[in-house]
Protein backbone atom coordinates (compact mmCIF):
# COMPACT_ATOMS: atom_id res chain seq x y z
CA UNK A 1 30.71 35.38 -62.85
CA UNK A 2 30.25 39.09 -63.51
CA UNK A 3 29.02 39.66 -59.95
CA UNK A 4 32.14 37.95 -58.60
CA UNK A 5 34.39 40.26 -60.66
CA UNK A 6 32.46 43.31 -59.47
CA UNK A 7 32.86 42.20 -55.87
CA UNK A 8 36.61 41.77 -56.39
CA UNK A 9 36.89 45.28 -57.88
CA UNK A 10 34.84 46.74 -55.03
CA UNK A 11 37.00 44.91 -52.52
CA UNK A 12 40.19 46.32 -54.06
CA UNK A 13 38.74 49.83 -54.16
CA UNK A 14 37.67 49.53 -50.54
CA UNK A 15 41.15 48.44 -49.46
CA UNK A 16 42.67 51.26 -51.51
CA UNK A 17 40.38 53.89 -50.00
CA UNK A 18 41.09 52.57 -46.50
CA UNK A 19 44.84 52.71 -47.12
CA UNK A 20 44.63 56.27 -48.42
CA UNK A 21 42.47 57.51 -45.57
CA UNK A 22 44.66 55.97 -42.85
CA UNK A 23 47.84 57.41 -44.38
CA UNK A 24 46.30 60.86 -44.68
CA UNK A 25 45.08 60.66 -41.08
CA UNK A 26 48.57 59.57 -40.01
CA UNK A 27 50.22 62.60 -41.58
CA UNK A 28 47.70 65.02 -40.06
CA UNK A 29 47.89 63.49 -36.59
CA UNK A 30 50.04 64.90 -33.82
CA UNK A 31 53.62 63.55 -34.22
CA UNK A 32 53.79 62.82 -30.48
CA UNK A 33 50.76 60.55 -30.60
CA UNK A 34 51.22 58.95 -34.02
CA UNK A 35 50.77 55.23 -34.10
CA UNK A 36 52.40 53.40 -36.99
CA UNK A 37 49.86 50.62 -36.55
CA UNK A 38 47.09 52.90 -37.76
CA UNK A 39 48.53 52.82 -41.29
CA UNK A 40 47.14 49.94 -43.31
CA UNK A 41 49.86 47.74 -44.74
CA UNK A 42 49.45 45.40 -47.68
CA UNK A 43 49.77 42.34 -45.44
CA UNK A 44 46.90 43.63 -43.32
CA UNK A 45 44.62 43.46 -46.34
CA UNK A 46 46.14 40.31 -47.87
CA UNK A 47 47.90 38.37 -45.11
CA UNK A 48 48.43 35.22 -47.14
CA UNK A 49 50.13 36.95 -50.05
CA UNK A 50 52.58 39.11 -48.14
CA UNK A 51 53.64 36.91 -45.24
CA UNK A 52 57.38 37.17 -46.02
CA UNK A 53 57.20 40.97 -46.29
CA UNK A 54 55.35 41.18 -42.98
CA UNK A 55 58.00 39.06 -41.27
CA UNK A 56 60.77 41.27 -42.68
CA UNK A 57 58.97 44.41 -41.53
CA UNK A 58 58.44 42.93 -38.06
CA UNK A 59 62.13 42.03 -37.79
CA UNK A 60 63.16 45.51 -38.94
CA UNK A 61 60.81 47.09 -36.40
CA UNK A 62 62.20 44.89 -33.62
CA UNK A 63 65.78 45.79 -34.62
CA UNK A 64 64.88 49.47 -34.62
CA UNK A 65 63.28 49.21 -31.17
CA UNK A 66 66.37 47.43 -29.86
CA UNK A 67 68.64 50.17 -31.23
CA UNK A 68 66.45 52.86 -29.64
CA UNK A 69 66.61 51.00 -26.34
CA UNK A 70 70.40 50.64 -26.57
CA UNK A 71 70.81 54.34 -27.36
CA UNK A 72 68.60 55.24 -24.42
CA UNK A 73 70.68 53.08 -22.10
CA UNK A 74 73.91 54.61 -23.45
CA UNK A 75 72.57 58.10 -22.84
CA UNK A 76 71.49 57.15 -19.33
CA UNK A 77 74.90 55.62 -18.58
CA UNK A 78 76.65 58.69 -19.93
CA UNK A 79 74.55 61.03 -17.77
CA UNK A 80 75.05 58.79 -14.76
CA UNK A 81 78.81 58.56 -15.29
CA UNK A 82 79.21 62.30 -15.82
CA UNK A 83 77.22 62.99 -12.65
CA UNK A 84 79.34 60.47 -10.76
CA UNK A 85 82.54 62.07 -12.09
CA UNK A 86 81.30 65.52 -11.04
CA UNK A 87 80.52 64.26 -7.53
CA UNK A 88 83.86 62.49 -7.41
CA UNK A 89 85.75 65.58 -8.57
CA UNK A 90 84.00 67.83 -6.06
CA UNK A 91 84.70 65.56 -3.11
CA UNK A 92 88.18 64.71 -4.41
CA UNK A 93 89.23 68.33 -4.75
CA UNK A 94 88.23 69.17 -1.17
CA UNK A 95 90.23 66.23 0.12
CA UNK A 96 93.36 67.16 -1.84
CA UNK A 97 93.05 70.80 -0.74
CA UNK A 98 92.92 69.76 2.90
CA UNK A 99 95.88 67.41 2.50
CA UNK A 100 97.90 70.20 0.88
CA UNK A 101 97.14 72.43 3.85
CA UNK A 102 98.25 69.75 6.25
CA UNK A 103 94.84 68.78 7.55
CA UNK A 104 93.23 65.54 6.41
CA UNK A 105 89.45 65.61 6.73
CA UNK A 106 88.94 62.11 5.35
CA UNK A 107 89.91 60.40 8.61
């Protein structure tokens, strides 16, 4: 019985030391190459006990990724639209200038 308790304490200390070391390594790693998966979560150590928390975290991560994707698409569309407007304005102004002068270059 005592050996079983000692093993449980050692197991908890091992999980704790692993969690501390991965979080410290995360903070000292290059922000561009950080991987959130390298940080030990409680459901990684005890998957049966924290299943609901893991599902919530996975849903939150998926929502966050979707928002990042949407923002990226919005930025792309904005850049594309502004470039299209610039091209349209440049070609439109030359056509209106030629019409004002009596020569239509669009035909």
